[in-house]
Amino acid sequence: MANGNTVELIGNITRDPELRFTPSGAAVANFGLAVNRRWRNQQTNEWEEQVSFFDVKCWAQMAENVAESVPRGTRVLVTGRLEQRSWETDNGEKRSKVEVVADEVAPSLRWATAQVQKIDRRDGAPAGGSSGGGGRPGFGGGQGRPGG
């Protein structure tokens, strides 16, 4: 049974994923996602558009894969859950933010192609070639990318 907190988004990455590590060594990547909605206004017959912006967080091996594979501008599919976090500023002001904690991130193949490189789940090393079959999506290489 679903827990009622599931979100599926398709949009464009607005900033390169930022890969960091917690003090305990867990990888976490954050990136922005712009989701566009376009419709024809029935009264004016003109196209209208609305853009919603989301912050997305990825953990563990997926965080490293995302940081290496999907740069700014990439159209991706994200599934996950909404999570609210609260904090207090240095001035004592209370703040809160809702963000998406990703369970899956994949490149959209509607207007692009991708090369899948399966990762060996034991040590994170490539598992020989582009065999597909459930591996993480990627665009090869990773030269110049964090964690790459």
C-alpha atoms as a PDB file:
ATOM      1  CA  MET A   1       0.000   0.000   0.000  1.00  0.00           C
ATOM      2  CA  ALA A   2       1.319   3.447  -0.922  1.00  0.00           C
ATOM      3  CA  ASN A   3       2.181   5.857   1.865  1.00  0.00           C
ATOM      4  CA  GLY A   4       0.498   8.822   0.160  1.00  0.00           C
ATOM      5  CA  ASN A   5       3.724  10.786  -0.171  1.00  0.00           C
ATOM      6  CA  THR A   6       4.934  10.019  -3.680  1.00  0.00           C
ATOM      7  CA  VAL A   7       5.902  12.554  -6.303  1.00  0.00           C
ATOM      8  CA  GLU A   8       6.859  12.101  -9.963  1.00  0.00           C
ATOM      9  CA  LEU A   9       8.385  15.041 -11.811  1.00  0.00           C
ATOM     10  CA  ILE A  10       9.742  15.595 -15.311  1.00  0.00           C
ATOM     11  CA  GLY A  11      11.790  18.730 -15.799  1.00  0.00           C
ATOM     12  CA  ASN A  12      15.123  20.359 -16.556  1.00  0.00           C
ATOM     13  CA  ILE A  13      18.025  20.547 -14.127  1.00  0.00           C
ATOM     14  CA  THR A  14      18.610  24.229 -13.328  1.00  0.00           C
ATOM     15  CA  ARG A  15      22.006  23.903 -11.631  1.00  0.00           C
ATOM     16  CA  ASP A  16      24.690  21.226 -11.749  1.00  0.00           C
ATOM     17  CA  PRO A  17      24.254  18.653  -8.993  1.00  0.00           C
ATOM     18  CA  GLU A  18      26.390  19.583  -5.989  1.00  0.00           C
ATOM     19  CA  LEU A  19      27.985  16.509  -4.413  1.00  0.00           C
ATOM     20  CA  ARG A  20      28.897  16.633  -0.727  1.00  0.00           C
ATOM     21  CA  PHE A  21      29.627  14.119   1.988  1.00  0.00           C
ATOM     22  CA  THR A  22      28.224  14.029   5.509  1.00  0.00           C
ATOM     23  CA  PRO A  23      30.658  13.767   8.452  1.00  0.00           C
ATOM     24  CA  SER A  24      29.930  10.021   8.514  1.00  0.00           C
ATOM     25  CA  GLY A  25      30.892   9.741   4.813  1.00  0.00           C
ATOM     26  CA  ALA A  26      27.443   9.427   3.212  1.00  0.00           C
ATOM     27  CA  ALA A  27      27.205  11.030  -0.230  1.00  0.00           C
ATOM     28  CA  VAL A  28      24.435  13.581  -0.825  1.00  0.00           C
ATOM     29  CA  ALA A  29      23.765  15.506  -4.046  1.00  0.00           C
ATOM     30  CA  ASN A  30      21.449  18.489  -4.449  1.00  0.00           C
ATOM     31  CA  PHE A  31      20.167  20.044  -7.662  1.00  0.00           C
ATOM     32  CA  GLY A  32      17.387  22.312  -8.851  1.00  0.00           C
ATOM     33  CA  LEU A  33      14.590  21.162 -11.137  1.00  0.00           C
ATOM     34  CA  ALA A  34      12.314  23.341 -13.288  1.00  0.00           C
ATOM     35  CA  VAL A  35       8.994  21.763 -14.253  1.00  0.00           C
ATOM     36  CA  ASN A  36       7.117  23.513 -17.065  1.00  0.00           C
ATOM     37  CA  ARG A  37       3.384  23.341 -17.631  1.00  0.00           C
ATOM     38  CA  ARG A  38       1.991  24.675 -20.896  1.00  0.00           C
ATOM     39  CA  TRP A  39      -1.627  25.040 -21.957  1.00  0.00           C
ATOM     40  CA  ARG A  40      -3.797  26.908 -24.440  1.00  0.00           C
ATOM     41  CA  ASN A  41      -6.020  29.563 -22.865  1.00  0.00           C
ATOM     42  CA  GLN A  42      -9.544  28.747 -24.049  1.00  0.00           C
ATOM     43  CA  GLN A  43     -10.627  32.399 -23.950  1.00  0.00           C
ATOM     44  CA  THR A  44      -7.677  34.013 -25.747  1.00  0.00           C
ATOM     45  CA  ASN A  45      -6.522  30.955 -27.724  1.00  0.00           C
ATOM     46  CA  GLU A  46      -2.951  31.880 -26.690  1.00  0.00           C
ATOM     47  CA  TRP A  47      -0.381  29.509 -25.215  1.00  0.00           C
ATOM     48  CA  GLU A  48       0.409  30.138 -21.550  1.00  0.00           C
ATOM     49  CA  GLU A  49       3.150  28.663 -19.411  1.00  0.00           C
ATOM     50  CA  GLN A  50       3.869  28.211 -15.735  1.00  0.00           C
ATOM     51  CA  VAL A  51       7.193  27.083 -14.282  1.00  0.00           C
ATOM     52  CA  SER A  52       7.577  25.470 -10.860  1.00  0.00           C
ATOM     53  CA  PHE A  53      10.998  25.113  -9.228  1.00  0.00           C
ATOM     54  CA  PHE A  54      11.964  22.272  -6.882  1.00  0.00           C
ATOM     55  CA  ASP A  55      15.060  21.398  -4.885  1.00  0.00           C
ATOM     56  CA  VAL A  56      15.951  17.705  -5.204  1.00  0.00           C
ATOM     57  CA  LYS A  57      18.159  15.700  -2.846  1.00  0.00           C
ATOM     58  CA  CYS A  58      19.773  12.308  -3.616  1.00  0.00           C
ATOM     59  CA  TRP A  59      21.655  10.035  -1.228  1.00  0.00           C
ATOM     60  CA  ALA A  60      24.377   7.353  -1.333  1.00  0.00           C
ATOM     61  CA  GLN A  61      25.494   5.815  -4.651  1.00  0.00           C
ATOM     62  CA  MET A  62      22.658   7.528  -6.527  1.00  0.00           C
ATOM     63  CA  ALA A  63      24.033  10.903  -5.371  1.00  0.00           C
ATOM     64  CA  GLU A  64      27.438  10.108  -6.876  1.00  0.00           C
ATOM     65  CA  ASN A  65      25.866   8.767 -10.089  1.00  0.00           C
ATOM     66  CA  VAL A  66      23.657  11.853 -10.483  1.00  0.00           C
ATOM     67  CA  ALA A  67      26.584  14.235  -9.892  1.00  0.00           C
ATOM     68  CA  GLU A  68      28.605  12.440 -12.557  1.00  0.00           C
ATOM     69  CA  SER A  69      25.837  11.883 -15.107  1.00  0.00           C
ATOM     70  CA  VAL A  70      23.302  14.710 -15.338  1.00  0.00           C
ATOM     71  CA  PRO A  71      24.554  18.284 -15.759  1.00  0.00           C
ATOM     72  CA  ARG A  72      22.545  21.498 -15.814  1.00  0.00           C
ATOM     73  CA  GLY A  73      20.027  21.612 -18.662  1.00  0.00           C
ATOM     74  CA  THR A  74      19.422  17.852 -18.726  1.00  0.00           C
ATOM     75  CA  ARG A  75      15.771  16.793 -18.878  1.00  0.00           C
ATOM     76  CA  VAL A  76      15.198  14.167 -16.170  1.00  0.00           C
ATOM     77  CA  LEU A  77      12.482  12.087 -14.563  1.00  0.00           C
ATOM     78  CA  VAL A  78      12.502  12.127 -10.756  1.00  0.00           C
ATOM     79  CA  THR A  79      10.441   9.938  -8.441  1.00  0.00           C
ATOM     80  CA  GLY A  80      10.589  10.322  -4.697  1.00  0.00           C
ATOM     81  CA  ARG A  81       8.865  11.848  -1.727  1.00  0.00           C
ATOM     82  CA  LEU A  82       8.323  15.316  -0.292  1.00  0.00           C
ATOM     83  CA  GLU A  83      10.160  16.160   2.902  1.00  0.00           C
ATOM     84  CA  GLN A  84       9.909  19.316   4.977  1.00  0.00           C
ATOM     85  CA  ARG A  85      12.795  20.514   7.058  1.00  0.00           C
ATOM     86  CA  SER A  86      12.894  23.423   9.492  1.00  0.00           C
ATOM     87  CA  TRP A  87      15.705  25.486  10.946  1.00  0.00           C
ATOM     88  CA  GLU A  88      16.384  28.730  12.718  1.00  0.00           C
ATOM     89  CA  THR A  89      18.519  31.497  11.188  1.00  0.00           C
ATOM     90  CA  ASP A  90      21.330  33.272  13.024  1.00  0.00           C
ATOM     91  CA  ASN A  91      18.812  36.091  13.638  1.00  0.00           C
ATOM     92  CA  GLY A  92      16.401  33.700  15.359  1.00  0.00           C
ATOM     93  CA  GLU A  93      13.935  33.579  12.455  1.00  0.00           C
ATOM     94  CA  LYS A  94      12.240  30.247  11.900  1.00  0.00           C
ATOM     95  CA  ARG A  95      12.378  28.908   8.351  1.00  0.00           C
ATOM     96  CA  SER A  96      11.123  25.787   6.638  1.00  0.00           C
ATOM     97  CA  LYS A  97      11.477  24.282   3.202  1.00  0.00           C
ATOM     98  CA  VAL A  98       9.855  21.438   1.285  1.00  0.00           C
ATOM     99  CA  GLU A  99      12.176  19.474  -0.990  1.00  0.00           C
ATOM    100  CA  VAL A 100      12.037  16.285  -3.036  1.00  0.00           C
ATOM    101  CA  VAL A 101      14.039  13.331  -1.718  1.00  0.00           C
ATOM    102  CA  ALA A 102      14.666  11.235  -4.830  1.00  0.00           C
ATOM    103  CA  ASP A 103      14.215   7.476  -5.006  1.00  0.00           C
ATOM    104  CA  GLU A 104      15.085   7.421  -8.728  1.00  0.00           C
ATOM    105  CA  VAL A 105      16.558   9.895 -11.214  1.00  0.00           C
ATOM    106  CA  ALA A 106      16.770   9.108 -14.935  1.00  0.00           C
ATOM    107  CA  PRO A 107      17.471  11.097 -18.088  1.00  0.00           C
ATOM    108  CA  SER A 108      14.459  11.707 -20.300  1.00  0.00           C
ATOM    109  CA  LEU A 109      14.925  10.119 -23.706  1.00  0.00           C
ATOM    110  CA  ARG A 110      12.164  12.131 -25.364  1.00  0.00           C
ATOM    111  CA  TRP A 111      14.614  14.553 -27.009  1.00  0.00           C
ATOM    112  CA  ALA A 112      17.969  12.995 -26.112  1.00  0.00           C
ATOM    113  CA  THR A 113      19.939   9.768 -26.033  1.00  0.00           C
ATOM    114  CA  ALA A 114      21.857   8.284 -23.139  1.00  0.00           C
ATOM    115  CA  GLN A 115      24.489   5.625 -22.650  1.00  0.00           C
ATOM    116  CA  VAL A 116      23.919   3.380 -19.631  1.00  0.00           C
ATOM    117  CA  GLN A 117      26.949   2.105 -17.742  1.00  0.00           C
ATOM    118  CA  LYS A 118      26.140  -0.448 -15.067  1.00  0.00           C
ATOM    119  CA  ILE A 119      27.913   0.060 -11.739  1.00  0.00           C
ATOM    120  CA  ASP A 120      29.233  -2.881  -9.709  1.00  0.00           C
ATOM    121  CA  ARG A 121      27.233  -2.562  -6.494  1.00  0.00           C
ATOM    122  CA  ARG A 122      30.025  -4.017  -4.350  1.00  0.00           C
ATOM    123  CA  ASP A 123      32.664  -1.340  -4.827  1.00  0.00           C
ATOM    124  CA  GLY A 124      31.192   1.298  -7.144  1.00  0.00           C
ATOM    125  CA  ALA A 125      33.529   0.405 -10.030  1.00  0.00           C
ATOM    126  CA  PRO A 126      32.161   0.062 -13.564  1.00  0.00           C
ATOM    127  CA  ALA A 127      30.952  -3.464 -14.262  1.00  0.00           C
ATOM    128  CA  GLY A 128      32.300  -3.783 -17.772  1.00  0.00           C
ATOM    129  CA  GLY A 129      30.761  -1.922 -20.656  1.00  0.00           C
ATOM    130  CA  SER A 130      27.335  -0.585 -21.440  1.00  0.00           C
ATOM    131  CA  SER A 131      25.274  -3.667 -20.753  1.00  0.00           C
ATOM    132  CA  GLY A 132      22.194  -1.786 -19.537  1.00  0.00           C
ATOM    133  CA  GLY A 133      19.938  -4.138 -17.621  1.00  0.00           C
ATOM    134  CA  GLY A 134      18.951  -2.048 -14.628  1.00  0.00           C
ATOM    135  CA  GLY A 135      22.091   0.016 -14.291  1.00  0.00           C
ATOM    136  CA  ARG A 136      22.092   3.687 -13.438  1.00  0.00           C
ATOM    137  CA  PRO A 137      21.634   6.118 -16.306  1.00  0.00           C
ATOM    138  CA  GLY A 138      24.682   8.003 -17.423  1.00  0.00           C
ATOM    139  CA  PHE A 139      26.252   9.956 -20.190  1.00  0.00           C
ATOM    140  CA  GLY A 140      29.626   8.198 -20.027  1.00  0.00           C
ATOM    141  CA  GLY A 141      32.873   9.666 -18.765  1.00  0.00           C
ATOM    142  CA  GLY A 142      32.353  12.207 -16.086  1.00  0.00           C
ATOM    143  CA  GLN A 143      35.482  14.191 -16.885  1.00  0.00           C
ATOM    144  CA  GLY A 144      35.472  17.389 -14.950  1.00  0.00           C
ATOM    145  CA  ARG A 145      32.381  16.384 -12.949  1.00  0.00           C
ATOM    146  CA  PRO A 146      32.351  16.095  -9.153  1.00  0.00           C
ATOM    147  CA  GLY A 147      32.988  12.510  -8.114  1.00  0.00           C
ATOM    148  CA  GLY A 148      34.060  11.621 -11.684  1.00  0.00           C
END
